[in-house]
Every structure is written in C-alpha cells, then in structure tokens.
Amino acid sequence: DFAYILKLDEKSNLSLGLKGGITTFETNFNGFRLPEVQDDPAFNENLNNTYPNIGIGAFYNRDKFYAGLSIPNLLTSKHIENKDGITRLGAEAIHLFGMAGYVFDVNSNLKLKPSILTKIVSGAPVTADFSFNALFNNRLEGGISYRTDDSVSAMFNISIIPSLRIGYAYDYTLSNLGAFNNGSHEIFVLFNLDLWGLKKGYDKSPRFY
C-alpha cells in the first residue's frame, strides 16, 4: 500500500492511496456430502488460481469534516467461467465505496458525529450504512448504526488510558438471514503505539473520525 498526503491549506488535507497485491481462489470439494445421484460436473474438479489486485482511494479531511472514495479492486477477475459448454459463475465485480462524516461540538464535554458509508456495485442495490456516534468527555463513546435492508447495530467503548480503549458492539440482522442467526457480538481493543517517538503526530490523529 502507498499513500500520499497533499496539504491543501492550513486546515485541510487530501490523501491519495494506491494498493497492489494478489487474490488467491481455491475450492476443495473433497469430503462434500452430495446427494446419491449427483450429475453436476461443477463439483468434479477443485480449483486453485491466483489473480492480480489493484485498488485506489482518496480521502479529504478538515478539522471536523471528512469524505472519501475508494475502489478496493479495479480488476474483474473471473474465478469460474464457461468450460466444456457448462456455465460456472464466479467473479469479483468492481465495488465503489463512498463515505462522509462531520463532528459537531455541542459543548466542551459532548461531541456528536453523524456519518454515512455507501457501497455501489453493478447488478446489486445500493447499500448504505447510517451511523450516529456520541463522545462524552473525550473518554466514553457510544453509537448506533443502520444498514439499509440488512441490519442494525450498537456499540460503546471507553478510554482506559490515553493510548488504550476497549469496547463492545452488537449487530442484529433484519433481513431473512435473521432466521439463521441471533446477531453477532464483538469485543474490540484500540491502542496506539508510539514506536518512533512521534507523539505529536498521534495527538493530531482524528480518532473520533
């Protein structure tokens, strides 16, 4: 991954990113419990392929506002395609992500941050995550989020020491997949390591973003 930051003025920056790598795709049908009468040749041969991956992104931020666009993979690699007259479907389509957020200073002890994350991909509906977080005394943070036609979630975290935060999040499925799960629980830890003595830089890091 490579990133370059352009300082537009005293209060705003534009960050540009580029990444390159590989994606590996492997199937292993050994041990599959198939019906006694199985004539689907798609399960007859295991696959093992490697594909290149290139992504780009841009991120603009000011003191209280940020916005960004990214395409994690510019290449549409086909993992499974037509072979011997048999149609096998499987490919990585190009995904476009957009995000934006703003931090409102209600008073010296309370900050509010609405934000949105959208995903656009050909052949599927546009999805969006709407989030609303609150930060109290720069120590306790909590928020809720809604993903269109999919799920709702809630989270909170607390600062134990300036360089360490711990938190919990719960995600509840609203789609028909909710019949097969009871939601997900997450416990997370966020910590900063000043390995190169760059404490001044960490002080300016927009953690509430």
Protein backbone atom coordinates (compact mmCIF):
# COMPACT_ATOMS: atom_id res chain seq x y z
CA ASP A 1 0.00 0.00 0.00
CA PHE A 2 1.15 3.54 -0.77
CA ALA A 3 -0.37 6.84 0.36
CA TYR A 4 0.50 10.46 -0.34
CA ILE A 5 -0.94 13.45 1.56
CA LEU A 6 -1.47 16.80 -0.13
CA LYS A 7 -1.81 19.73 2.28
CA LEU A 8 -4.39 21.95 0.59
CA ASP A 9 -4.30 24.69 3.26
CA GLU A 10 -3.75 25.09 6.99
CA LYS A 11 -6.91 23.17 7.87
CA SER A 12 -7.48 20.62 5.10
CA ASN A 13 -5.66 17.66 3.55
CA LEU A 14 -6.25 15.37 0.58
CA SER A 15 -4.83 11.87 0.89
CA LEU A 16 -4.41 9.68 -2.20
CA GLY A 17 -3.88 5.93 -1.94
CA LEU A 18 -2.79 3.11 -4.22
CA LYS A 19 -2.52 -0.59 -3.45
CA GLY A 20 -1.42 -3.67 -5.29
CA GLY A 21 -1.46 -7.34 -4.46
CA ILE A 22 -2.84 -10.74 -5.35
CA THR A 23 -6.06 -12.62 -4.64
CA THR A 24 -5.98 -16.39 -4.28
CA PHE A 25 -9.05 -18.51 -5.02
CA GLU A 26 -9.25 -22.16 -4.07
CA THR A 27 -12.06 -24.70 -3.89
CA ASN A 28 -11.92 -28.05 -2.18
CA PHE A 29 -14.90 -30.30 -2.80
CA ASN A 30 -13.26 -33.32 -1.19
CA GLY A 31 -15.47 -34.63 1.57
CA PHE A 32 -18.61 -32.85 0.33
CA ARG A 33 -21.76 -34.80 1.21
CA LEU A 34 -23.62 -34.70 -2.08
CA PRO A 35 -26.91 -36.45 -2.99
CA GLU A 36 -26.62 -40.06 -4.13
CA VAL A 37 -27.48 -39.01 -7.67
CA GLN A 38 -25.11 -36.14 -8.44
CA ASP A 39 -24.54 -35.17 -12.05
CA ASP A 40 -23.32 -31.59 -11.56
CA PRO A 41 -19.82 -31.51 -13.12
CA ALA A 42 -19.08 -28.23 -11.33
CA PHE A 43 -18.10 -30.33 -8.30
CA ASN A 44 -15.85 -32.70 -10.21
CA GLU A 45 -12.71 -30.56 -10.22
CA ASN A 46 -11.04 -28.48 -7.50
CA LEU A 47 -9.82 -25.03 -8.50
CA ASN A 48 -6.69 -23.17 -7.41
CA ASN A 49 -5.98 -19.81 -9.08
CA THR A 50 -4.18 -16.54 -8.35
CA TYR A 51 -5.25 -13.12 -9.67
CA PRO A 52 -3.72 -9.61 -9.50
CA ASN A 53 -5.43 -6.92 -7.43
CA ILE A 54 -5.14 -3.12 -7.81
CA GLY A 55 -7.05 -0.56 -5.72
CA ILE A 56 -7.24 3.24 -5.42
CA GLY A 57 -8.73 5.71 -2.98
CA ALA A 58 -8.94 9.37 -1.97
CA PHE A 59 -9.67 10.91 1.45
CA TYR A 60 -10.34 14.58 2.22
CA ASN A 61 -10.42 15.86 5.79
CA ARG A 62 -10.68 19.08 7.73
CA ASP A 63 -10.83 19.67 11.45
CA LYS A 64 -14.42 18.43 11.79
CA PHE A 65 -15.34 17.01 8.36
CA TYR A 66 -14.14 14.12 6.20
CA ALA A 67 -15.16 12.47 2.93
CA GLY A 68 -13.66 9.68 0.87
CA LEU A 69 -13.99 7.45 -2.19
CA SER A 70 -12.33 4.10 -2.83
CA ILE A 71 -12.31 1.17 -5.24
CA PRO A 72 -10.52 -1.72 -3.49
CA ASN A 73 -10.24 -3.78 -6.69
CA LEU A 74 -10.18 -2.31 -10.19
CA LEU A 75 -9.94 -5.72 -11.87
CA THR A 76 -12.89 -8.03 -12.50
CA SER A 77 -11.22 -11.41 -12.05
CA LYS A 78 -13.36 -14.36 -13.18
CA HIS A 79 -12.88 -17.28 -10.82
CA ILE A 80 -15.28 -19.68 -12.53
CA GLU A 81 -16.41 -19.31 -16.13
CA ASN A 82 -17.74 -21.28 -19.08
CA LYS A 83 -15.90 -24.53 -19.68
CA ASP A 84 -16.86 -27.53 -21.83
CA GLY A 85 -20.24 -25.96 -22.51
CA ILE A 86 -21.04 -25.69 -18.78
CA THR A 87 -21.77 -22.29 -17.23
CA ARG A 88 -19.97 -21.70 -13.97
CA LEU A 89 -20.44 -18.30 -12.37
CA GLY A 90 -17.99 -16.61 -10.02
CA ALA A 91 -16.26 -13.24 -10.35
CA GLU A 92 -15.12 -10.20 -8.39
CA ALA A 93 -17.08 -7.16 -9.56
CA ILE A 94 -15.82 -3.61 -9.07
CA HIS A 95 -17.09 -2.11 -5.80
CA LEU A 96 -17.22 1.66 -5.25
CA PHE A 97 -17.30 2.90 -1.65
CA GLY A 98 -18.11 6.45 -0.56
CA MET A 99 -18.11 7.89 2.95
CA ALA A 100 -18.56 11.18 4.77
CA GLY A 101 -18.92 12.42 8.32
CA TYR A 102 -18.99 15.55 10.45
CA VAL A 103 -18.21 16.21 14.12
CA PHE A 104 -20.45 18.69 15.99
CA ASP A 105 -19.09 20.24 19.18
CA VAL A 106 -22.21 20.58 21.32
CA ASN A 107 -20.15 21.79 24.27
CA SER A 108 -16.75 21.14 25.81
CA ASN A 109 -17.88 17.71 27.08
CA LEU A 110 -20.01 16.40 24.22
CA LYS A 111 -19.31 15.74 20.53
CA LEU A 112 -21.76 14.25 18.03
CA LYS A 113 -20.77 12.57 14.75
CA PRO A 114 -23.25 11.55 12.07
CA SER A 115 -21.68 9.61 9.19
CA ILE A 116 -22.57 7.57 6.13
CA LEU A 117 -20.86 4.77 4.18
CA THR A 118 -22.27 3.69 0.80
CA LYS A 119 -21.43 0.78 -1.50
CA ILE A 120 -22.21 0.62 -5.21
CA VAL A 121 -21.69 -2.48 -7.36
CA SER A 122 -23.17 -3.44 -10.71
CA GLY A 123 -26.12 -5.81 -10.51
CA ALA A 124 -26.96 -5.13 -6.84
CA PRO A 125 -28.94 -2.47 -4.97
CA VAL A 126 -27.03 0.47 -3.50
CA THR A 127 -26.44 -0.12 0.20
CA ALA A 128 -25.73 2.49 2.85
CA ASP A 129 -24.68 2.49 6.50
CA PHE A 130 -26.06 5.41 8.52
CA SER A 131 -24.28 5.92 11.83
CA PHE A 132 -24.59 8.31 14.75
CA ASN A 133 -21.94 8.40 17.49
CA ALA A 134 -21.52 10.50 20.63
CA LEU A 135 -18.32 11.19 22.57
CA PHE A 136 -18.52 12.23 26.24
CA ASN A 137 -15.62 13.95 28.00
CA ASN A 138 -13.26 12.55 25.34
CA ARG A 139 -13.49 9.24 27.20
CA LEU A 140 -16.80 7.42 26.70
CA GLU A 141 -18.11 6.81 23.16
CA GLY A 142 -21.38 5.21 22.07
CA GLY A 143 -23.35 4.94 18.85
CA ILE A 144 -25.93 3.23 16.69
CA SER A 145 -25.91 2.27 13.00
CA TYR A 146 -28.40 1.11 10.38
CA ARG A 147 -27.58 -0.72 7.15
CA THR A 148 -30.36 -0.47 4.58
CA ASP A 149 -32.49 -3.63 4.40
CA ASP A 150 -29.89 -5.60 6.33
CA SER A 151 -29.08 -4.84 9.97
CA VAL A 152 -28.90 -2.50 12.95
CA SER A 153 -26.02 -2.31 15.40
CA ALA A 154 -24.90 -0.54 18.56
CA MET A 155 -21.51 -0.04 20.16
CA PHE A 156 -19.73 1.67 23.02
CA ASN A 157 -16.13 1.99 24.14
CA ILE A 158 -14.26 3.66 26.95
CA SER A 159 -10.77 5.11 27.27
CA ILE A 160 -8.84 3.29 29.98
CA ILE A 161 -5.69 5.34 29.48
CA PRO A 162 -4.95 7.88 26.70
CA SER A 163 -3.41 5.18 24.48
CA LEU A 164 -5.88 2.35 25.19
CA ARG A 165 -9.64 1.95 24.55
CA ILE A 166 -11.82 -1.14 24.93
CA GLY A 167 -15.36 -1.62 23.68
CA TYR A 168 -18.28 -3.85 22.75
CA ALA A 169 -20.58 -3.97 19.71
CA TYR A 170 -23.72 -5.93 18.82
CA ASP A 171 -25.15 -6.41 15.32
CA TYR A 172 -28.73 -7.61 14.73
CA THR A 173 -29.81 -8.92 11.30
CA LEU A 174 -33.05 -7.54 9.82
CA SER A 175 -33.04 -9.48 6.52
CA ASN A 176 -34.28 -13.06 6.06
CA LEU A 177 -30.83 -14.25 7.17
CA GLY A 178 -32.00 -13.37 10.67
CA ALA A 179 -33.82 -16.72 10.70
CA PHE A 180 -30.42 -18.42 10.83
CA ASN A 181 -28.54 -16.29 13.37
CA ASN A 182 -29.08 -14.35 16.57
CA GLY A 183 -26.80 -11.45 15.70
CA SER A 184 -23.10 -11.06 16.38
CA HIS A 185 -21.17 -9.89 19.44
CA GLU A 186 -17.78 -8.18 19.17
CA ILE A 187 -15.25 -7.10 21.78
CA PHE A 188 -12.50 -4.82 20.50
CA VAL A 189 -9.35 -3.12 21.73
CA LEU A 190 -7.87 0.06 20.23
CA PHE A 191 -4.37 1.09 21.22
CA ASN A 192 -1.69 3.48 19.98
CA LEU A 193 1.97 2.57 19.99
CA ASP A 194 4.40 5.46 19.68
CA LEU A 195 7.28 3.28 18.47
CA TRP A 196 9.17 6.07 16.71
CA GLY A 197 8.67 8.89 19.20
CA LEU A 198 6.02 10.64 17.09
CA LYS A 199 3.74 11.59 19.99
CA LYS A 200 2.97 14.98 18.47
CA GLY A 201 1.60 13.29 15.34
CA TYR A 202 -0.60 10.95 17.37
CA ASP A 203 -2.06 13.92 19.25
CA LYS A 204 -3.35 15.23 15.91
CA SER A 205 -4.76 11.89 14.75
CA PRO A 206 -8.57 12.22 14.20
CA ARG A 207 -9.55 9.23 16.35
CA PHE A 208 -13.20 10.24 16.66
CA TYR A 209 -13.47 10.01 12.88
